[in-house]
Every structure is written in C-alpha cells, then in structure tokens.
C-alpha cells in the first residue's frame, strides 16, 4: 500500500497538530486531507511553511494552557450542592452521575466534556465527594461537591441538613 508524507495545516485528532509531518495512506491524503486543505504534500517550498505553522502552534498551545490554568482555579474555588430525593433514613433514590455534575457546572458557567470529568462510579450516598477533572494534558484538579437531600430526613437526621432546611 502506498503512503504519503503530508504537512498538517490544522490539528487533527489522532493524527497530529499543525506543523507536524505525518505519514498517511495515499487515499486518506488524496481524498480527505488535501481537498479539505487540512494538509499539504511535502515539497521543498512547503518545508519553509513549517516554521510559521510551528510558531502559530506554540502560540495556540500557550493560550490553551493559560485558559486551562484559569479554569482549574475557578473549579477549585467553586462549591456545588446537588439536591436529590431521599426516602427513609436518607436513602437516595437513584444516583448522581457525571451528567448531573456537568449540568450543574454548566449552570455555574463552566463548560466541560464528559471525558474531562473523571467520576469513578455514580454517587449513591449523601455527603461530600470529589471528582477528578483533567482540563489539559498537564493540568488536573479536583471538583469538590456535596450531595444533599431535597426533603428532610426523618430517621437519624443529621444536624447539618436540618440547619440547611431552616435557612431556606
């Protein structure tokens, strides 16, 4: 099978970033990358273009890193409480999932993907919990959140939840 070397003009998931020289199947280059102007065939003239692409890539990566660091600081400072329905003795109906957390974060103005939020398993107990958040390849942080009952707990009620209900 024939392979071609191409110079990527834009970052492509699973292939590389702009300025990278990659070897791909000839058909992929001919039918997908080149017509969409995502890559250029390697020639002497195009090799000179590599330097400008590498500078643009460095600037983009630096900006992404700064944005990720700022987002990480915002996530560390935020406090989230998720109210769930409970039955006797504080037993939860259902569980708190990554989608619930993402939705709650969206209300706070923080946009994350499901891949970035690392919740080992759905939360099935009331109380304080943490979930890992991988914002950037070099930046990871923890999201701290509370799972609280939306209705008063009848048996063995915790004093903290009674105080929270009195404040409302």
N, C-alpha and C. Protein backbone atom coordinates (compact mmCIF):
# COMPACT_ATOMS: atom_id res chain seq x y z
N UNK A 1 0.84 -1.19 0.00
CA UNK A 1 0.00 0.00 0.00
C UNK A 1 0.87 1.24 0.00
N UNK A 2 0.43 2.23 -0.72
CA UNK A 2 1.21 3.46 -0.86
C UNK A 2 0.92 4.40 0.32
N UNK A 3 1.99 5.02 0.80
CA UNK A 3 1.89 6.01 1.88
C UNK A 3 2.42 7.33 1.36
N UNK A 4 1.87 8.42 1.89
CA UNK A 4 2.32 9.75 1.53
C UNK A 4 2.72 10.49 2.79
N UNK A 5 3.70 11.36 2.67
CA UNK A 5 4.04 12.27 3.77
C UNK A 5 3.36 13.59 3.48
N UNK A 6 2.67 14.09 4.52
CA UNK A 6 1.97 15.36 4.37
C UNK A 6 2.31 16.26 5.56
N UNK A 7 2.15 17.54 5.34
CA UNK A 7 2.35 18.55 6.37
C UNK A 7 0.97 19.00 6.83
N UNK A 8 0.66 18.81 8.12
CA UNK A 8 -0.65 19.20 8.65
C UNK A 8 -0.74 20.70 8.81
N UNK A 9 -1.85 21.28 8.35
CA UNK A 9 -2.08 22.71 8.47
C UNK A 9 -2.94 23.05 9.68
N UNK A 10 -3.68 22.06 10.18
CA UNK A 10 -4.56 22.23 11.33
C UNK A 10 -4.41 21.01 12.22
N UNK A 11 -4.71 21.15 13.53
CA UNK A 11 -4.65 19.97 14.39
C UNK A 11 -5.76 18.98 14.02
N UNK A 12 -5.42 17.70 13.98
CA UNK A 12 -6.39 16.66 13.66
C UNK A 12 -6.29 15.60 14.74
N UNK A 13 -7.41 15.30 15.39
CA UNK A 13 -7.42 14.31 16.48
C UNK A 13 -6.90 12.98 15.99
N UNK A 14 -5.99 12.41 16.76
CA UNK A 14 -5.46 11.09 16.43
C UNK A 14 -4.37 11.10 15.39
N UNK A 15 -4.06 12.27 14.83
CA UNK A 15 -3.04 12.33 13.77
C UNK A 15 -1.89 13.25 14.16
N UNK A 16 -2.20 14.47 14.58
CA UNK A 16 -1.15 15.40 14.98
C UNK A 16 -1.65 16.83 15.00
N UNK A 17 -0.72 17.73 15.31
CA UNK A 17 -1.05 19.15 15.38
C UNK A 17 -0.49 19.86 14.14
N UNK A 18 -0.84 21.13 13.99
CA UNK A 18 -0.36 21.87 12.83
C UNK A 18 1.16 21.93 12.86
N UNK A 19 1.75 21.83 11.68
CA UNK A 19 3.20 21.84 11.58
C UNK A 19 3.83 20.47 11.64
N UNK A 20 3.07 19.44 12.01
CA UNK A 20 3.61 18.08 12.07
C UNK A 20 3.70 17.49 10.67
N UNK A 21 4.74 16.73 10.44
CA UNK A 21 4.88 15.96 9.21
C UNK A 21 4.50 14.53 9.55
N UNK A 22 3.47 14.01 8.92
CA UNK A 22 2.99 12.66 9.22
C UNK A 22 2.92 11.83 7.95
N UNK A 23 3.00 10.52 8.14
CA UNK A 23 2.85 9.59 7.03
C UNK A 23 1.46 8.99 7.12
N UNK A 24 0.70 9.11 6.03
CA UNK A 24 -0.67 8.59 6.00
C UNK A 24 -0.85 7.78 4.71
N UNK A 25 -1.91 7.01 4.67
CA UNK A 25 -2.24 6.27 3.45
C UNK A 25 -2.52 7.25 2.32
N UNK A 26 -2.15 6.87 1.13
CA UNK A 26 -2.28 7.75 -0.03
C UNK A 26 -3.74 8.17 -0.25
N UNK A 27 -4.67 7.25 -0.09
CA UNK A 27 -6.08 7.56 -0.29
C UNK A 27 -6.62 8.55 0.73
N UNK A 28 -6.18 8.41 1.98
CA UNK A 28 -6.61 9.34 3.03
C UNK A 28 -6.12 10.74 2.71
N UNK A 29 -4.87 10.85 2.28
CA UNK A 29 -4.32 12.15 1.92
C UNK A 29 -5.05 12.72 0.70
N UNK A 30 -5.20 11.91 -0.33
CA UNK A 30 -5.77 12.36 -1.60
C UNK A 30 -7.25 12.70 -1.47
N UNK A 31 -8.01 11.90 -0.71
CA UNK A 31 -9.47 12.06 -0.67
C UNK A 31 -9.99 12.89 0.50
N UNK A 32 -9.21 13.01 1.56
CA UNK A 32 -9.73 13.71 2.74
C UNK A 32 -8.88 14.93 3.11
N UNK A 33 -7.60 14.72 3.38
CA UNK A 33 -6.77 15.81 3.90
C UNK A 33 -6.52 16.92 2.89
N UNK A 34 -6.11 16.56 1.69
CA UNK A 34 -5.75 17.58 0.70
C UNK A 34 -6.96 18.37 0.19
N UNK A 35 -8.10 17.74 -0.18
CA UNK A 35 -9.24 18.53 -0.66
C UNK A 35 -9.82 19.49 0.39
N UNK A 36 -9.73 19.10 1.66
CA UNK A 36 -10.27 19.95 2.73
C UNK A 36 -9.24 20.98 3.22
N UNK A 37 -8.08 21.00 2.58
CA UNK A 37 -7.00 21.92 2.92
C UNK A 37 -6.58 21.77 4.38
N UNK A 38 -6.56 20.53 4.86
CA UNK A 38 -6.08 20.22 6.20
C UNK A 38 -4.59 19.88 6.19
N UNK A 39 -4.05 19.59 4.99
CA UNK A 39 -2.65 19.21 4.87
C UNK A 39 -2.13 19.60 3.49
N UNK A 40 -0.80 19.62 3.38
CA UNK A 40 -0.13 19.87 2.11
C UNK A 40 0.86 18.74 1.87
N UNK A 41 1.06 18.37 0.60
CA UNK A 41 2.09 17.37 0.34
C UNK A 41 3.46 17.97 0.65
N UNK A 42 4.40 17.12 1.06
CA UNK A 42 5.74 17.59 1.42
C UNK A 42 6.53 17.92 0.16
N UNK A 43 6.90 19.20 0.06
CA UNK A 43 7.79 19.67 -1.02
C UNK A 43 8.78 20.63 -0.38
N UNK A 44 9.79 21.04 -1.14
CA UNK A 44 10.78 21.99 -0.61
C UNK A 44 10.12 23.30 -0.21
N UNK A 45 9.19 23.79 -1.02
CA UNK A 45 8.52 25.06 -0.72
C UNK A 45 7.67 24.93 0.56
N UNK A 46 7.00 23.80 0.74
CA UNK A 46 6.15 23.60 1.90
C UNK A 46 6.96 23.43 3.18
N UNK A 47 8.17 22.94 3.08
CA UNK A 47 9.01 22.78 4.27
C UNK A 47 9.31 24.14 4.91
N UNK A 48 9.39 25.19 4.09
CA UNK A 48 9.60 26.54 4.62
C UNK A 48 8.36 27.02 5.38
N UNK A 49 7.21 26.52 4.99
CA UNK A 49 5.95 26.88 5.63
C UNK A 49 5.85 26.29 7.04
N UNK A 50 6.65 25.27 7.31
CA UNK A 50 6.61 24.58 8.60
C UNK A 50 6.93 25.53 9.74
N UNK A 51 7.91 26.39 9.57
CA UNK A 51 8.32 27.29 10.65
C UNK A 51 7.18 28.19 11.10
N UNK A 52 6.45 28.78 10.16
CA UNK A 52 5.34 29.66 10.54
C UNK A 52 4.23 28.87 11.23
N UNK A 53 4.00 27.63 10.78
CA UNK A 53 2.99 26.80 11.43
C UNK A 53 3.40 26.44 12.85
N UNK A 54 4.67 26.16 13.06
CA UNK A 54 5.14 25.81 14.39
C UNK A 54 5.02 26.98 15.35
N UNK A 55 5.27 28.20 14.87
CA UNK A 55 5.10 29.39 15.70
C UNK A 55 3.63 29.58 16.08
N UNK A 56 2.74 29.39 15.12
CA UNK A 56 1.31 29.51 15.39
C UNK A 56 0.86 28.44 16.38
N UNK A 57 1.40 27.24 16.23
CA UNK A 57 1.05 26.13 17.13
C UNK A 57 1.51 26.44 18.55
N UNK A 58 2.71 26.97 18.70
CA UNK A 58 3.24 27.29 20.02
C UNK A 58 2.38 28.35 20.70
N UNK A 59 1.98 29.37 19.94
CA UNK A 59 1.13 30.42 20.50
C UNK A 59 -0.22 29.86 20.92
N UNK A 60 -0.81 28.99 20.08
CA UNK A 60 -2.11 28.39 20.41
C UNK A 60 -2.02 27.53 21.65
N UNK A 61 -0.97 26.71 21.74
CA UNK A 61 -0.81 25.83 22.90
C UNK A 61 -0.60 26.63 24.18
N UNK A 62 0.13 27.73 24.10
CA UNK A 62 0.35 28.58 25.27
C UNK A 62 -0.97 29.20 25.73
N UNK A 63 -1.79 29.66 24.77
CA UNK A 63 -3.09 30.25 25.11
C UNK A 63 -4.01 29.20 25.74
N UNK A 64 -4.02 27.99 25.17
CA UNK A 64 -4.84 26.91 25.74
C UNK A 64 -4.40 26.57 27.15
N UNK A 65 -3.09 26.55 27.40
CA UNK A 65 -2.56 26.25 28.72
C UNK A 65 -2.99 27.31 29.73
N UNK A 66 -2.90 28.59 29.35
CA UNK A 66 -3.31 29.67 30.25
C UNK A 66 -4.81 29.59 30.56
N UNK A 67 -5.62 29.32 29.53
CA UNK A 67 -7.06 29.19 29.75
C UNK A 67 -7.37 28.01 30.65
N UNK A 68 -6.65 26.91 30.49
CA UNK A 68 -6.85 25.71 31.31
C UNK A 68 -6.48 26.00 32.76
N UNK A 69 -5.40 26.74 32.97
CA UNK A 69 -4.99 27.06 34.34
C UNK A 69 -6.03 27.95 35.02
N UNK A 70 -6.57 28.92 34.29
CA UNK A 70 -7.60 29.80 34.85
C UNK A 70 -8.86 29.00 35.18
N UNK A 71 -9.24 28.08 34.29
CA UNK A 71 -10.41 27.24 34.53
C UNK A 71 -10.18 26.35 35.74
N UNK A 72 -8.99 25.83 35.90
CA UNK A 72 -8.65 24.99 37.04
C UNK A 72 -8.83 25.75 38.35
N UNK A 73 -8.39 27.00 38.38
CA UNK A 73 -8.55 27.82 39.58
C UNK A 73 -10.02 28.07 39.88
N UNK A 74 -10.81 28.31 38.86
CA UNK A 74 -12.25 28.51 39.06
C UNK A 74 -12.92 27.27 39.63
N UNK A 75 -12.52 26.10 39.11
CA UNK A 75 -13.13 24.84 39.58
C UNK A 75 -12.75 24.57 41.02
N UNK A 76 -11.52 24.87 41.42
CA UNK A 76 -11.10 24.64 42.80
C UNK A 76 -11.86 25.53 43.78
N UNK A 77 -12.23 26.74 43.36
CA UNK A 77 -12.91 27.69 44.25
C UNK A 77 -14.41 27.44 44.35
N UNK A 78 -14.99 26.76 43.38
CA UNK A 78 -16.44 26.61 43.31
C UNK A 78 -16.93 25.58 44.34
N UNK A 79 -18.12 25.81 44.88
CA UNK A 79 -18.74 24.81 45.75
C UNK A 79 -20.11 24.48 45.17
N UNK A 80 -20.33 23.21 44.97
CA UNK A 80 -21.56 22.75 44.34
C UNK A 80 -22.32 21.86 45.31
N UNK A 81 -23.63 22.05 45.37
CA UNK A 81 -24.50 21.17 46.14
C UNK A 81 -25.54 20.62 45.18
N UNK A 82 -25.68 19.32 45.18
CA UNK A 82 -26.66 18.68 44.31
C UNK A 82 -27.74 18.08 45.21
N UNK A 83 -28.98 18.54 45.01
CA UNK A 83 -30.10 18.06 45.81
C UNK A 83 -30.71 16.83 45.14
N UNK A 84 -30.93 15.79 45.95
CA UNK A 84 -31.53 14.55 45.44
C UNK A 84 -32.70 14.17 46.32
N UNK A 85 -33.60 13.37 45.76
CA UNK A 85 -34.73 12.87 46.54
C UNK A 85 -34.26 11.70 47.39
N UNK A 86 -34.75 11.68 48.62
CA UNK A 86 -34.37 10.60 49.53
C UNK A 86 -35.61 10.01 50.19
N UNK A 87 -35.44 8.79 50.66
CA UNK A 87 -36.52 8.10 51.37
C UNK A 87 -36.19 8.04 52.86
N UNK A 88 -36.69 7.01 53.51
CA UNK A 88 -36.47 6.84 54.94
C UNK A 88 -34.99 6.69 55.24
N UNK A 89 -34.55 7.36 56.31
CA UNK A 89 -33.17 7.24 56.74
C UNK A 89 -32.15 7.86 55.80
N UNK A 90 -32.57 8.68 54.89
CA UNK A 90 -31.64 9.35 53.98
C UNK A 90 -31.19 8.49 52.82
N UNK A 91 -31.90 7.41 52.52
CA UNK A 91 -31.53 6.54 51.39
C UNK A 91 -31.92 7.24 50.09
N UNK A 92 -30.94 7.36 49.19
CA UNK A 92 -31.16 8.07 47.94
C UNK A 92 -31.97 7.24 46.94
N UNK A 93 -32.80 7.94 46.17
CA UNK A 93 -33.46 7.34 45.02
C UNK A 93 -32.58 7.66 43.82
N UNK A 94 -32.04 6.65 43.17
CA UNK A 94 -31.18 6.89 42.02
C UNK A 94 -29.76 7.22 42.45
N UNK A 95 -29.02 7.91 41.58
CA UNK A 95 -27.62 8.24 41.85
C UNK A 95 -27.27 9.55 41.16
N UNK A 96 -26.18 10.14 41.59
CA UNK A 96 -25.65 11.35 40.96
C UNK A 96 -24.58 10.89 39.97
N UNK A 97 -24.76 11.24 38.71
CA UNK A 97 -23.85 10.79 37.66
C UNK A 97 -23.00 11.96 37.14
N UNK A 98 -22.07 11.63 36.26
CA UNK A 98 -21.22 12.66 35.65
C UNK A 98 -22.08 13.68 34.89
N UNK A 99 -23.15 13.22 34.25
CA UNK A 99 -24.03 14.14 33.51
C UNK A 99 -24.67 15.15 34.45
N UNK A 100 -25.06 14.70 35.66
CA UNK A 100 -25.65 15.63 36.64
C UNK A 100 -24.64 16.70 37.03
N UNK A 101 -23.40 16.27 37.26
CA UNK A 101 -22.34 17.23 37.62
C UNK A 101 -22.06 18.20 36.48
N UNK A 102 -22.00 17.69 35.25
CA UNK A 102 -21.74 18.56 34.10
C UNK A 102 -22.84 19.59 33.92
N UNK A 103 -24.08 19.17 34.13
CA UNK A 103 -25.22 20.07 34.01
C UNK A 103 -25.15 21.17 35.08
N UNK A 104 -24.79 20.78 36.30
CA UNK A 104 -24.68 21.73 37.40
C UNK A 104 -23.52 22.70 37.16
N UNK A 105 -22.40 22.20 36.62
CA UNK A 105 -21.27 23.07 36.30
C UNK A 105 -21.63 24.05 35.19
N UNK A 106 -22.45 23.60 34.24
CA UNK A 106 -22.89 24.47 33.14
C UNK A 106 -23.70 25.65 33.70
N UNK A 107 -24.51 25.38 34.73
CA UNK A 107 -25.28 26.45 35.37
C UNK A 107 -24.35 27.48 36.02
N UNK A 108 -23.18 27.02 36.46
CA UNK A 108 -22.19 27.91 37.08
C UNK A 108 -21.31 28.61 36.05
N UNK A 109 -21.50 28.28 34.77
CA UNK A 109 -20.73 28.91 33.70
C UNK A 109 -19.44 28.20 33.36
N UNK A 110 -19.31 26.93 33.75
CA UNK A 110 -18.11 26.16 33.45
C UNK A 110 -18.48 25.05 32.49
N UNK A 111 -17.89 25.08 31.30
CA UNK A 111 -18.17 24.08 30.26
C UNK A 111 -17.08 23.01 30.27
N UNK A 112 -17.46 21.78 30.55
CA UNK A 112 -16.56 20.64 30.50
C UNK A 112 -17.20 19.54 29.67
N UNK A 113 -16.37 18.63 29.18
CA UNK A 113 -16.89 17.46 28.48
C UNK A 113 -16.89 16.28 29.43
N UNK A 114 -17.62 15.26 29.04
CA UNK A 114 -17.71 14.06 29.88
C UNK A 114 -16.34 13.39 30.01
N UNK A 115 -15.51 13.51 28.98
CA UNK A 115 -14.17 12.92 29.04
C UNK A 115 -13.29 13.64 30.04
N UNK A 116 -13.51 14.92 30.25
CA UNK A 116 -12.68 15.69 31.17
C UNK A 116 -13.03 15.39 32.63
N UNK A 117 -14.28 15.06 32.91
CA UNK A 117 -14.72 14.77 34.27
C UNK A 117 -14.48 13.30 34.57
N UNK A 118 -13.71 13.03 35.61
CA UNK A 118 -13.35 11.67 35.94
C UNK A 118 -14.05 11.25 37.22
N UNK A 119 -15.25 10.72 37.07
CA UNK A 119 -16.03 10.22 38.19
C UNK A 119 -16.00 8.71 38.12
N UNK A 120 -15.39 8.07 39.13
CA UNK A 120 -15.16 6.63 39.08
C UNK A 120 -16.47 5.84 38.96
N UNK A 121 -17.45 6.20 39.75
CA UNK A 121 -18.73 5.49 39.74
C UNK A 121 -19.82 6.48 40.14
N UNK A 122 -21.07 6.23 39.77
CA UNK A 122 -22.16 7.11 40.20
C UNK A 122 -22.23 7.19 41.73
N UNK A 123 -22.52 8.35 42.25
CA UNK A 123 -22.58 8.59 43.69
C UNK A 123 -23.94 8.16 44.20
N UNK A 124 -23.94 7.27 45.21
CA UNK A 124 -25.20 6.75 45.74
C UNK A 124 -25.38 7.05 47.22
N UNK A 125 -24.57 7.97 47.76
CA UNK A 125 -24.66 8.32 49.17
C UNK A 125 -24.63 9.83 49.34
N UNK A 126 -25.32 10.31 50.38
CA UNK A 126 -25.28 11.72 50.71
C UNK A 126 -23.92 12.06 51.30
N UNK A 127 -23.53 13.33 51.21
CA UNK A 127 -22.29 13.77 51.83
C UNK A 127 -21.36 14.46 50.85
N UNK A 128 -20.12 14.65 51.28
CA UNK A 128 -19.09 15.32 50.47
C UNK A 128 -18.39 14.30 49.59
N UNK A 129 -18.14 14.70 48.35
CA UNK A 129 -17.47 13.83 47.39
C UNK A 129 -16.53 14.67 46.53
N UNK A 130 -15.60 13.99 45.85
CA UNK A 130 -14.71 14.67 44.92
C UNK A 130 -14.69 13.90 43.60
N UNK A 131 -14.43 14.65 42.54
CA UNK A 131 -14.27 14.05 41.21
C UNK A 131 -13.05 14.70 40.57
N UNK A 132 -12.28 13.92 39.86
CA UNK A 132 -11.12 14.46 39.17
C UNK A 132 -11.55 15.17 37.89
N UNK A 133 -10.83 16.21 37.55
CA UNK A 133 -11.10 16.96 36.32
C UNK A 133 -9.77 17.12 35.59
N UNK A 134 -9.69 16.59 34.37
CA UNK A 134 -8.48 16.74 33.57
C UNK A 134 -8.79 17.76 32.48
N UNK A 135 -8.30 18.97 32.70
CA UNK A 135 -8.61 20.08 31.83
C UNK A 135 -7.66 20.13 30.63
N UNK A 136 -6.40 19.81 30.88
CA UNK A 136 -5.35 19.90 29.87
C UNK A 136 -4.42 18.72 30.13
N UNK A 137 -3.57 18.41 29.18
CA UNK A 137 -2.66 17.28 29.38
C UNK A 137 -1.78 17.46 30.61
N UNK A 138 -1.46 18.70 30.97
CA UNK A 138 -0.60 18.96 32.12
C UNK A 138 -1.36 19.46 33.35
N UNK A 139 -2.65 19.70 33.24
CA UNK A 139 -3.40 20.30 34.34
C UNK A 139 -4.57 19.40 34.74
N UNK A 140 -4.50 18.94 36.00
CA UNK A 140 -5.59 18.17 36.59
C UNK A 140 -5.96 18.83 37.91
N UNK A 141 -7.23 18.78 38.26
CA UNK A 141 -7.70 19.36 39.51
C UNK A 141 -8.82 18.49 40.07
N UNK A 142 -9.28 18.83 41.27
CA UNK A 142 -10.38 18.09 41.88
C UNK A 142 -11.58 19.02 42.04
N UNK A 143 -12.74 18.46 41.75
CA UNK A 143 -14.00 19.17 41.95
C UNK A 143 -14.63 18.61 43.22
N UNK A 144 -14.86 19.49 44.19
CA UNK A 144 -15.50 19.07 45.43
C UNK A 144 -16.96 19.45 45.37
N UNK A 145 -17.82 18.50 45.74
CA UNK A 145 -19.26 18.77 45.71
C UNK A 145 -19.96 18.03 46.83
N UNK A 146 -21.15 18.52 47.17
CA UNK A 146 -21.98 17.93 48.22
C UNK A 146 -23.22 17.32 47.59
N UNK A 147 -23.62 16.17 48.08
CA UNK A 147 -24.89 15.58 47.69
C UNK A 147 -25.78 15.70 48.92
N UNK A 148 -26.86 16.47 48.79
CA UNK A 148 -27.76 16.73 49.92
C UNK A 148 -29.18 16.29 49.58
N UNK A 149 -29.97 16.10 50.62
CA UNK A 149 -31.36 15.68 50.45
C UNK A 149 -32.22 16.90 50.19
N UNK A 150 -33.16 16.78 49.23
CA UNK A 150 -34.05 17.92 48.99
C UNK A 150 -35.22 17.93 49.96
N UNK A 151 -35.50 16.83 50.64
CA UNK A 151 -36.55 16.80 51.64
C UNK A 151 -35.93 16.41 52.99
N UNK A 152 -36.55 16.80 54.11
CA UNK A 152 -35.97 16.49 55.42
C UNK A 152 -35.87 14.97 55.64
N UNK A 153 -34.79 14.57 56.28
CA UNK A 153 -34.59 13.15 56.59
C UNK A 153 -35.29 12.86 57.90
N UNK A 154 -36.12 11.82 57.91
CA UNK A 154 -36.94 11.52 59.07
C UNK A 154 -36.17 10.76 60.15
N UNK A 155 -35.55 9.65 59.81
CA UNK A 155 -34.83 8.84 60.80
C UNK A 155 -33.37 9.23 60.83
N UNK A 156 -32.82 9.43 62.02
CA UNK A 156 -31.39 9.71 62.16
C UNK A 156 -30.96 10.93 61.39
N UNK A 157 -31.72 12.01 61.50
CA UNK A 157 -31.42 13.22 60.72
C UNK A 157 -30.12 13.85 61.19
N UNK A 158 -29.31 14.27 60.25
CA UNK A 158 -28.07 14.97 60.56
C UNK A 158 -28.39 16.42 60.88
N UNK A 159 -27.68 16.99 61.85
CA UNK A 159 -27.95 18.36 62.25
C UNK A 159 -27.63 19.34 61.15
N UNK A 160 -26.64 19.05 60.30
CA UNK A 160 -26.27 19.96 59.21
C UNK A 160 -27.42 20.12 58.23
N UNK A 161 -28.08 19.03 57.91
CA UNK A 161 -29.17 19.10 56.92
C UNK A 161 -30.39 19.81 57.51
N UNK A 162 -30.63 19.66 58.83
CA UNK A 162 -31.74 20.38 59.47
C UNK A 162 -31.46 21.88 59.44
N UNK A 163 -30.21 22.26 59.68
CA UNK A 163 -29.85 23.67 59.65
C UNK A 163 -30.04 24.22 58.22
N UNK A 164 -29.65 23.43 57.23
CA UNK A 164 -29.80 23.86 55.83
C UNK A 164 -31.28 24.07 55.50
N UNK A 165 -32.16 23.18 56.02
CA UNK A 165 -33.59 23.31 55.75
C UNK A 165 -34.16 24.54 56.46
N UNK A 166 -33.64 24.90 57.66
CA UNK A 166 -34.13 26.06 58.38
C UNK A 166 -33.74 27.34 57.68
N UNK A 167 -32.60 27.36 57.00
CA UNK A 167 -32.12 28.55 56.31
C UNK A 167 -32.99 28.90 55.11
N UNK A 168 -33.65 27.95 54.52
CA UNK A 168 -34.47 28.18 53.32
C UNK A 168 -35.69 28.90 53.62
